[in-house]
PDB file of N, CA and C in Angstrom:
ATOM      1  N   MET A   1       1.027  -1.242   0.161  1.00  0.00           N
ATOM      2  CA  MET A   1      -0.044  -0.010   0.092  1.00  0.00           C
ATOM      3  C   MET A   1       0.811   1.396  -0.113  1.00  0.00           C
ATOM      4  N   LYS A   2       2.085   0.931   0.821  1.00  0.00           N
ATOM      5  CA  LYS A   2       3.002   2.154   0.748  1.00  0.00           C
ATOM      6  C   LYS A   2       3.549   2.672  -0.769  1.00  0.00           C
ATOM      7  N   LYS A   3       3.835   1.544  -1.293  1.00  0.00           N
ATOM      8  CA  LYS A   3       4.269   1.916  -2.678  1.00  0.00           C
ATOM      9  C   LYS A   3       3.244   2.721  -3.662  1.00  0.00           C
ATOM     10  N   ILE A   4       2.134   2.046  -3.679  1.00  0.00           N
ATOM     11  CA  ILE A   4       1.087   2.577  -4.385  1.00  0.00           C
ATOM     12  C   ILE A   4       0.843   4.109  -3.727  1.00  0.00           C
ATOM     13  N   PHE A   5       0.957   4.482  -2.586  1.00  0.00           N
ATOM     14  CA  PHE A   5       0.973   6.203  -2.102  1.00  0.00           C
ATOM     15  C   PHE A   5       2.124   6.890  -2.906  1.00  0.00           C
ATOM     16  N   ASN A   6       3.190   5.870  -2.701  1.00  0.00           N
ATOM     17  CA  ASN A   6       4.451   6.946  -3.064  1.00  0.00           C
ATOM     18  C   ASN A   6       4.385   6.947  -4.424  1.00  0.00           C
ATOM     19  N   PHE A   7       3.729   6.230  -5.212  1.00  0.00           N
ATOM     20  CA  PHE A   7       3.469   6.320  -6.727  1.00  0.00           C
ATOM     21  C   PHE A   7       2.758   7.741  -7.182  1.00  0.00           C
ATOM     22  N   PHE A   8       1.603   7.450  -6.727  1.00  0.00           N
ATOM     23  CA  PHE A   8       0.714   8.651  -6.896  1.00  0.00           C
ATOM     24  C   PHE A   8       0.960   9.576  -6.442  1.00  0.00           C
ATOM     25  N   PHE A   9       1.548  10.005  -5.027  1.00  0.00           N
ATOM     26  CA  PHE A   9       2.305  11.312  -4.748  1.00  0.00           C
ATOM     27  C   PHE A   9       3.342  11.796  -5.417  1.00  0.00           C
ATOM     28  N   ILE A  10       4.247  11.133  -6.174  1.00  0.00           N
ATOM     29  CA  ILE A  10       5.464  11.372  -7.269  1.00  0.00           C
ATOM     30  C   ILE A  10       4.512  11.711  -8.264  1.00  0.00           C
ATOM     31  N   ALA A  11       3.425  11.121  -8.894  1.00  0.00           N
ATOM     32  CA  ALA A  11       2.867  11.512 -10.184  1.00  0.00           C
ATOM     33  C   ALA A  11       2.234  12.699  -9.763  1.00  0.00           C
ATOM     34  N   PHE A  12       1.776  13.367  -8.788  1.00  0.00           N
ATOM     35  CA  PHE A  12       1.102  14.459  -8.548  1.00  0.00           C
ATOM     36  C   PHE A  12       2.050  15.764  -8.720  1.00  0.00           C
ATOM     37  N   ILE A  13       3.483  15.113  -7.927  1.00  0.00           N
ATOM     38  CA  ILE A  13       4.099  16.390  -8.006  1.00  0.00           C
ATOM     39  C   ILE A  13       4.583  16.684  -9.216  1.00  0.00           C
ATOM     40  N   VAL A  14       4.856  15.648 -10.175  1.00  0.00           N
ATOM     41  CA  VAL A  14       5.468  15.914 -11.194  1.00  0.00           C
ATOM     42  C   VAL A  14       4.528  16.333 -12.236  1.00  0.00           C
ATOM     43  N   SER A  15       3.261  15.898 -12.242  1.00  0.00           N
ATOM     44  CA  SER A  15       2.138  16.535 -12.724  1.00  0.00           C
ATOM     45  C   SER A  15       2.003  18.377 -12.590  1.00  0.00           C
ATOM     46  N   TYR A  16       2.551  18.323 -11.426  1.00  0.00           N
ATOM     47  CA  TYR A  16       2.221  19.915 -11.381  1.00  0.00           C
ATOM     48  C   TYR A  16       3.057  20.622 -11.240  1.00  0.00           C
ATOM     49  N   SER A  17       4.300  19.981 -11.902  1.00  0.00           N
ATOM     50  CA  SER A  17       5.617  20.586 -11.849  1.00  0.00           C
ATOM     51  C   SER A  17       5.761  21.065 -13.565  1.00  0.00           C
ATOM     52  N   VAL A  18       4.807  20.764 -14.156  1.00  0.00           N
ATOM     53  CA  VAL A  18       4.888  20.682 -15.508  1.00  0.00           C
ATOM     54  C   VAL A  18       4.222  22.416 -15.677  1.00  0.00           C
ATOM     55  N   PHE A  19       3.997  23.232 -14.390  1.00  0.00           N
ATOM     56  CA  PHE A  19       3.241  24.251 -14.907  1.00  0.00           C
ATOM     57  C   PHE A  19       4.617  25.058 -14.297  1.00  0.00           C
ATOM     58  N   PHE A  20       5.682  24.960 -13.871  1.00  0.00           N
ATOM     59  CA  PHE A  20       6.712  25.628 -13.682  1.00  0.00           C
ATOM     60  C   PHE A  20       7.792  25.408 -14.563  1.00  0.00           C
ATOM     61  N   ILE A  21       7.513  24.386 -15.356  1.00  0.00           N
ATOM     62  CA  ILE A  21       8.773  23.900 -16.585  1.00  0.00           C
ATOM     63  C   ILE A  21       8.529  24.771 -17.623  1.00  0.00           C
ATOM     64  N   PHE A  22       7.262  24.700 -18.279  1.00  0.00           N
ATOM     65  CA  PHE A  22       6.630  25.240 -19.457  1.00  0.00           C
ATOM     66  C   PHE A  22       5.988  26.330 -19.438  1.00  0.00           C
ATOM     67  N   ASP A  23       6.269  27.387 -20.612  1.00  0.00           N
ATOM     68  CA  ASP A  23       5.734  28.641 -20.794  1.00  0.00           C
ATOM     69  C   ASP A  23       4.288  28.511 -21.072  1.00  0.00           C
ATOM     70  N   ASN A  24       3.211  29.541 -20.982  1.00  0.00           N
ATOM     71  CA  ASN A  24       2.273  29.397 -21.428  1.00  0.00           C
ATOM     72  C   ASN A  24       1.728  28.949 -22.776  1.00  0.00           C
ATOM     73  N   LEU A  25       2.577  29.198 -23.785  1.00  0.00           N
ATOM     74  CA  LEU A  25       2.139  28.938 -25.073  1.00  0.00           C
ATOM     75  C   LEU A  25       2.565  27.429 -25.356  1.00  0.00           C
ATOM     76  N   MET A  26       3.223  26.694 -24.497  1.00  0.00           N
ATOM     77  CA  MET A  26       3.377  25.189 -24.574  1.00  0.00           C
ATOM     78  C   MET A  26       2.365  24.822 -23.641  1.00  0.00           C
ATOM     79  N   LEU A  27       1.835  24.952 -22.563  1.00  0.00           N
ATOM     80  CA  LEU A  27       0.813  24.321 -21.831  1.00  0.00           C
ATOM     81  C   LEU A  27      -0.368  24.726 -22.713  1.00  0.00           C
ATOM     82  N   LYS A  28      -0.570  25.690 -23.237  1.00  0.00           N
ATOM     83  CA  LYS A  28      -1.847  25.775 -24.157  1.00  0.00           C
ATOM     84  C   LYS A  28      -2.115  24.676 -25.387  1.00  0.00           C
ATOM     85  N   PHE A  29      -0.548  24.176 -25.986  1.00  0.00           N
ATOM     86  CA  PHE A  29      -0.622  23.359 -26.752  1.00  0.00           C
ATOM     87  C   PHE A  29      -0.882  21.594 -26.395  1.00  0.00           C
ATOM     88  N   LEU A  30      -0.375  21.905 -25.036  1.00  0.00           N
ATOM     89  CA  LEU A  30      -0.518  20.668 -24.332  1.00  0.00           C
ATOM     90  C   LEU A  30      -1.553  20.462 -24.195  1.00  0.00           C
ATOM     91  N   THR A  31      -2.287  21.161 -23.503  1.00  0.00           N
ATOM     92  CA  THR A  31      -3.553  21.126 -22.635  1.00  0.00           C
ATOM     93  C   THR A  31      -5.072  21.349 -23.719  1.00  0.00           C
ATOM     94  N   GLN A  32      -4.911  21.368 -24.911  1.00  0.00           N
ATOM     95  CA  GLN A  32      -6.082  21.905 -25.870  1.00  0.00           C
ATOM     96  C   GLN A  32      -6.883  20.728 -25.932  1.00  0.00           C
ATOM     97  N   GLU A  33      -7.950  21.192 -26.564  1.00  0.00           N
ATOM     98  CA  GLU A  33      -9.145  19.972 -26.870  1.00  0.00           C
ATOM     99  C   GLU A  33      -8.441  18.930 -27.920  1.00  0.00           C
ATOM    100  N   ASP A  34      -8.791  17.763 -27.180  1.00  0.00           N
ATOM    101  CA  ASP A  34      -7.885  16.486 -28.025  1.00  0.00           C
ATOM    102  C   ASP A  34      -6.468  16.502 -28.631  1.00  0.00           C
ATOM    103  N   GLY A  35      -6.003  17.158 -27.339  1.00  0.00           N
ATOM    104  CA  GLY A  35      -4.080  17.234 -27.336  1.00  0.00           C
ATOM    105  C   GLY A  35      -3.657  15.910 -26.813  1.00  0.00           C
ATOM    106  N   VAL A  36      -2.247  16.139 -26.486  1.00  0.00           N
ATOM    107  CA  VAL A  36      -1.337  15.708 -25.716  1.00  0.00           C
ATOM    108  C   VAL A  36      -2.103  14.612 -24.231  1.00  0.00           C
ATOM    109  N   PHE A  37      -2.660  15.815 -23.537  1.00  0.00           N
ATOM    110  CA  PHE A  37      -2.941  15.242 -22.200  1.00  0.00           C
ATOM    111  C   PHE A  37      -4.289  14.575 -22.105  1.00  0.00           C
ATOM    112  N   GLU A  38      -5.341  14.907 -23.088  1.00  0.00           N
ATOM    113  CA  GLU A  38      -6.919  14.746 -23.025  1.00  0.00           C
ATOM    114  C   GLU A  38      -6.583  13.128 -23.662  1.00  0.00           C
ATOM    115  N   SER A  39      -5.503  12.945 -24.895  1.00  0.00           N
ATOM    116  CA  SER A  39      -5.310  11.579 -25.656  1.00  0.00           C
ATOM    117  C   SER A  39      -4.992  10.852 -24.681  1.00  0.00           C
ATOM    118  N   PHE A  40      -4.075  11.014 -23.861  1.00  0.00           N
ATOM    119  CA  PHE A  40      -3.292   9.901 -22.803  1.00  0.00           C
ATOM    120  C   PHE A  40      -4.166   9.670 -21.940  1.00  0.00           C
ATOM    121  N   GLY A  41      -5.088  10.733 -21.488  1.00  0.00           N
ATOM    122  CA  GLY A  41      -6.060  10.344 -20.347  1.00  0.00           C
ATOM    123  C   GLY A  41      -7.066   9.512 -21.156  1.00  0.00           C
ATOM    124  N   ALA A  42      -7.748   9.442 -22.257  1.00  0.00           N
ATOM    125  CA  ALA A  42      -8.227   8.791 -22.562  1.00  0.00           C
ATOM    126  C   ALA A  42      -7.857   7.337 -22.873  1.00  0.00           C
ATOM    127  N   LEU A  43      -6.591   7.310 -23.389  1.00  0.00           N
ATOM    128  CA  LEU A  43      -5.944   5.974 -23.329  1.00  0.00           C
ATOM    129  C   LEU A  43      -6.127   5.295 -21.714  1.00  0.00           C
ATOM    130  N   CYS A  44      -5.580   5.874 -20.756  1.00  0.00           N
ATOM    131  CA  CYS A  44      -5.615   5.619 -19.495  1.00  0.00           C
ATOM    132  C   CYS A  44      -6.984   5.069 -19.257  1.00  0.00           C
ATOM    133  N   PHE A  45      -8.008   5.944 -19.182  1.00  0.00           N
ATOM    134  CA  PHE A  45      -8.954   5.240 -18.802  1.00  0.00           C
ATOM    135  C   PHE A  45      -9.486   3.905 -19.649  1.00  0.00           C
ATOM    136  N   LEU A  46      -9.181   3.809 -20.930  1.00  0.00           N
ATOM    137  CA  LEU A  46      -9.603   2.718 -21.785  1.00  0.00           C
ATOM    138  C   LEU A  46      -8.772   1.539 -21.207  1.00  0.00           C
ATOM    139  N   ALA A  47      -7.335   1.555 -21.074  1.00  0.00           N
ATOM    140  CA  ALA A  47      -6.584   0.545 -20.001  1.00  0.00           C
ATOM    141  C   ALA A  47      -7.055   0.290 -19.079  1.00  0.00           C
ATOM    142  N   SER A  48      -7.439   0.748 -18.657  1.00  0.00           N
ATOM    143  CA  SER A  48      -8.208   0.868 -17.101  1.00  0.00           C
ATOM    144  C   SER A  48      -9.265  -0.220 -17.276  1.00  0.00           C
ATOM    145  N   SER A  49     -10.133  -0.002 -18.046  1.00  0.00           N
ATOM    146  CA  SER A  49     -11.654  -0.352 -18.536  1.00  0.00           C
ATOM    147  C   SER A  49     -11.011  -2.231 -18.781  1.00  0.00           C
ATOM    148  N   VAL A  50     -10.250  -2.092 -19.815  1.00  0.00           N
ATOM    149  CA  VAL A  50      -9.608  -3.420 -20.178  1.00  0.00           C
ATOM    150  C   VAL A  50      -9.258  -4.063 -19.143  1.00  0.00           C
ATOM    151  N   LEU A  51      -8.134  -3.847 -18.324  1.00  0.00           N
ATOM    152  CA  LEU A  51      -7.653  -4.473 -17.321  1.00  0.00           C
ATOM    153  C   LEU A  51      -8.903  -4.604 -15.865  1.00  0.00           C
ATOM    154  N   LEU A  52      -9.808  -3.930 -15.631  1.00  0.00           N
ATOM    155  CA  LEU A  52     -10.561  -3.876 -14.935  1.00  0.00           C
ATOM    156  C   LEU A  52     -11.927  -5.493 -15.425  1.00  0.00           C
ATOM    157  N   LEU A  53     -11.959  -5.378 -16.549  1.00  0.00           N
ATOM    158  CA  LEU A  53     -13.139  -6.560 -17.128  1.00  0.00           C
ATOM    159  C   LEU A  53     -11.972  -7.462 -17.079  1.00  0.00           C
ATOM    160  N   ASN A  54     -11.119  -7.741 -16.989  1.00  0.00           N
ATOM    161  CA  ASN A  54      -9.920  -9.283 -16.755  1.00  0.00           C
ATOM    162  C   ASN A  54     -10.099  -9.357 -15.294  1.00  0.00           C
ATOM    163  N   LYS A  55      -9.824  -8.393 -14.838  1.00  0.00           N
ATOM    164  CA  LYS A  55      -9.982  -8.705 -13.588  1.00  0.00           C
ATOM    165  C   LYS A  55     -11.477  -9.276 -12.753  1.00  0.00           C
ATOM    166  N   TYR A  56     -12.556  -8.660 -13.215  1.00  0.00           N
ATOM    167  CA  TYR A  56     -14.002  -9.108 -13.086  1.00  0.00           C
ATOM    168  C   TYR A  56     -14.076 -10.327 -13.644  1.00  0.00           C
ATOM    169  N   LEU A  57     -13.608 -10.693 -14.744  1.00  0.00           N
ATOM    170  CA  LEU A  57     -13.895 -12.140 -15.147  1.00  0.00           C
ATOM    171  C   LEU A  57     -13.244 -13.024 -14.343  1.00  0.00           C
ATOM    172  N   ARG A  58     -12.119 -12.615 -13.864  1.00  0.00           N
ATOM    173  CA  ARG A  58     -11.599 -13.706 -12.946  1.00  0.00           C
ATOM    174  C   ARG A  58     -11.651 -14.054 -11.834  1.00  0.00           C
ATOM    175  N   SER A  59     -12.503 -12.626 -11.266  1.00  0.00           N
ATOM    176  CA  SER A  59     -13.072 -12.982  -9.872  1.00  0.00           C
ATOM    177  C   SER A  59     -14.343 -12.713  -9.592  1.00  0.00           C
ATOM    178  N   LYS A  60     -15.131 -12.381 -10.496  1.00  0.00           N
ATOM    179  CA  LYS A  60     -16.604 -11.939 -10.275  1.00  0.00           C
ATOM    180  C   LYS A  60     -17.270 -11.509  -9.438  1.00  0.00           C
ATOM    181  N   LYS A  61     -16.478 -10.494  -9.028  1.00  0.00           N
ATOM    182  CA  LYS A  61     -16.843  -9.378  -8.085  1.00  0.00           C
ATOM    183  C   LYS A  61     -17.384  -8.113  -8.554  1.00  0.00           C
ATOM    184  N   LEU A  62     -18.450  -7.752  -8.277  1.00  0.00           N
ATOM    185  CA  LEU A  62     -19.312  -6.982  -9.232  1.00  0.00           C
ATOM    186  C   LEU A  62     -18.698  -5.307  -8.975  1.00  0.00           C
ATOM    187  N   PHE A  63     -17.940  -5.249  -8.004  1.00  0.00           N
ATOM    188  CA  PHE A  63     -17.368  -4.288  -7.847  1.00  0.00           C
ATOM    189  C   PHE A  63     -16.329  -3.744  -9.200  1.00  0.00           C
ATOM    190  N   PHE A  64     -16.084  -4.425  -9.739  1.00  0.00           N
ATOM    191  CA  PHE A  64     -14.683  -4.548 -10.498  1.00  0.00           C
ATOM    192  C   PHE A  64     -15.522  -4.278 -12.096  1.00  0.00           C
ATOM    193  N   LEU A  65     -16.364  -4.762 -12.112  1.00  0.00           N
ATOM    194  CA  LEU A  65     -17.575  -4.632 -13.372  1.00  0.00           C
ATOM    195  C   LEU A  65     -18.134  -3.565 -13.712  1.00  0.00           C
ATOM    196  N   LEU A  66     -18.312  -3.009 -11.962  1.00  0.00           N
ATOM    197  CA  LEU A  66     -18.911  -1.578 -12.014  1.00  0.00           C
ATOM    198  C   LEU A  66     -17.936  -0.512 -12.237  1.00  0.00           C
ATOM    199  N   PHE A  67     -16.978  -0.979 -11.574  1.00  0.00           N
ATOM    200  CA  PHE A  67     -15.655   0.448 -11.976  1.00  0.00           C
ATOM    201  C   PHE A  67     -15.162   0.156 -13.562  1.00  0.00           C
ATOM    202  N   CYS A  68     -14.903  -1.212 -14.074  1.00  0.00           N
ATOM    203  CA  CYS A  68     -14.924  -1.178 -15.292  1.00  0.00           C
ATOM    204  C   CYS A  68     -15.927  -0.180 -16.547  1.00  0.00           C
ATOM    205  N   ILE A  69     -17.313  -0.339 -15.828  1.00  0.00           N
ATOM    206  CA  ILE A  69     -18.292   0.517 -16.779  1.00  0.00           C
ATOM    207  C   ILE A  69     -18.188   1.962 -16.459  1.00  0.00           C
ATOM    208  N   ALA A  70     -17.729   2.138 -15.430  1.00  0.00           N
ATOM    209  CA  ALA A  70     -17.491   3.648 -14.984  1.00  0.00           C
ATOM    210  C   ALA A  70     -16.108   4.158 -15.864  1.00  0.00           C
ATOM    211  N   CYS A  71     -15.298   3.426 -15.850  1.00  0.00           N
ATOM    212  CA  CYS A  71     -13.561   3.587 -16.950  1.00  0.00           C
ATOM    213  C   CYS A  71     -14.456   3.903 -17.781  1.00  0.00           C
ATOM    214  N   PHE A  72     -15.260   3.165 -18.688  1.00  0.00           N
ATOM    215  CA  PHE A  72     -15.397   3.084 -20.155  1.00  0.00           C
ATOM    216  C   PHE A  72     -16.034   4.571 -20.631  1.00  0.00           C
ATOM    217  N   PHE A  73     -17.286   4.650 -19.587  1.00  0.00           N
ATOM    218  CA  PHE A  73     -18.038   5.772 -19.742  1.00  0.00           C
ATOM    219  C   PHE A  73     -16.833   6.907 -19.813  1.00  0.00           C
ATOM    220  N   ALA A  74     -15.822   6.899 -18.644  1.00  0.00           N
ATOM    221  CA  ALA A  74     -15.039   8.123 -18.615  1.00  0.00           C
ATOM    222  C   ALA A  74     -14.243   8.220 -20.206  1.00  0.00           C
ATOM    223  N   PHE A  75     -14.065   7.087 -20.572  1.00  0.00           N
ATOM    224  CA  PHE A  75     -12.885   7.102 -22.076  1.00  0.00           C
ATOM    225  C   PHE A  75     -13.933   7.831 -22.843  1.00  0.00           C
ATOM    226  N   GLY A  76     -15.290   7.381 -23.298  1.00  0.00           N
ATOM    227  CA  GLY A  76     -15.995   7.780 -24.192  1.00  0.00           C
ATOM    228  C   GLY A  76     -16.193   9.339 -24.044  1.00  0.00           C
ATOM    229  N   GLU A  77     -16.375   9.716 -22.713  1.00  0.00           N
ATOM    230  CA  GLU A  77     -16.583  11.253 -22.556  1.00  0.00           C
ATOM    231  C   GLU A  77     -15.200  12.018 -22.716  1.00  0.00           C
ATOM    232  N   GLU A  78     -14.013  11.709 -22.533  1.00  0.00           N
ATOM    233  CA  GLU A  78     -12.641  12.192 -23.070  1.00  0.00           C
ATOM    234  C   GLU A  78     -12.808  12.511 -24.600  1.00  0.00           C
ATOM    235  N   ILE A  79     -13.346  10.968 -24.962  1.00  0.00           N
ATOM    236  CA  ILE A  79     -13.051  11.288 -26.546  1.00  0.00           C
ATOM    237  C   ILE A  79     -14.700  12.008 -27.204  1.00  0.00           C
ATOM    238  N   SER A  80     -15.195  12.633 -26.165  1.00  0.00           N
ATOM    239  CA  SER A  80     -16.397  13.035 -27.014  1.00  0.00           C
ATOM    240  C   SER A  80     -17.301  11.684 -27.725  1.00  0.00           C
ATOM    241  N   TRP A  81     -17.304  10.517 -27.055  1.00  0.00           N
ATOM    242  CA  TRP A  81     -18.016   9.696 -27.867  1.00  0.00           C
ATOM    243  C   TRP A  81     -17.789   9.715 -29.356  1.00  0.00           C
ATOM    244  N   GLY A  82     -16.385  10.225 -30.072  1.00  0.00           N
ATOM    245  CA  GLY A  82     -16.224  10.080 -31.116  1.00  0.00           C
ATOM    246  C   GLY A  82     -16.653  11.261 -32.222  1.00  0.00           C
ATOM    247  N   GLN A  83     -17.460  12.240 -31.436  1.00  0.00           N
ATOM    248  CA  GLN A  83     -17.854  13.049 -32.344  1.00  0.00           C
ATOM    249  C   GLN A  83     -17.189  13.886 -33.260  1.00  0.00           C
ATOM    250  N   ARG A  84     -15.875  14.529 -32.687  1.00  0.00           N
ATOM    251  CA  ARG A  84     -15.204  15.309 -33.450  1.00  0.00           C
ATOM    252  C   ARG A  84     -14.205  13.851 -34.125  1.00  0.00           C
ATOM    253  N   VAL A  85     -14.071  12.868 -33.946  1.00  0.00           N
ATOM    254  CA  VAL A  85     -13.556  11.932 -35.135  1.00  0.00           C
ATOM    255  C   VAL A  85     -14.378  11.636 -36.273  1.00  0.00           C
ATOM    256  N   VAL A  86     -15.556  11.629 -36.392  1.00  0.00           N
ATOM    257  CA  VAL A  86     -16.682  11.073 -36.846  1.00  0.00           C
ATOM    258  C   VAL A  86     -16.945  12.418 -37.643  1.00  0.00           C
ATOM    259  N   MET A  87     -17.343  13.511 -37.104  1.00  0.00           N
ATOM    260  CA  MET A  87     -17.622  14.358 -37.972  1.00  0.00           C
ATOM    261  C   MET A  87     -16.825  15.797 -37.404  1.00  0.00           C
ATOM    262  N   PRO A  88     -15.884  16.047 -38.144  1.00  0.00           N
ATOM    263  CA  PRO A  88     -15.099  17.037 -37.319  1.00  0.00           C
ATOM    264  C   PRO A  88     -15.386  18.604 -37.700  1.00  0.00           C
ATOM    265  N   PRO A  89     -14.833  19.354 -36.848  1.00  0.00           N
ATOM    266  CA  PRO A  89     -15.643  20.843 -36.695  1.00  0.00           C
ATOM    267  C   PRO A  89     -15.562  21.642 -38.105  1.00  0.00           C
ATOM    268  N   LEU A  90     -16.541  22.215 -38.744  1.00  0.00           N
ATOM    269  CA  LEU A  90     -16.363  22.798 -40.038  1.00  0.00           C
ATOM    270  C   LEU A  90     -15.702  23.843 -40.127  1.00  0.00           C
TER     271      LEU A  90
END
């Protein structure tokens, strides 16, 4: 448990240090809609959903299935349910 806490603490510190390293123009580029961070977040939600589905199939615990569904919906929301991929803005 302590290793997980340490990992998230370091990830938190690193993610907020980005604001001190990059200038405003680079931050706007990285955080724009359908940008690098949003795509990475969507991939993380999708990977979490797949891993939780695998965990549910092995353990048959309802918690893992519900969390899998929540992660999949978060993935869909991050990619706006494919609206900008299928129908790009004019």
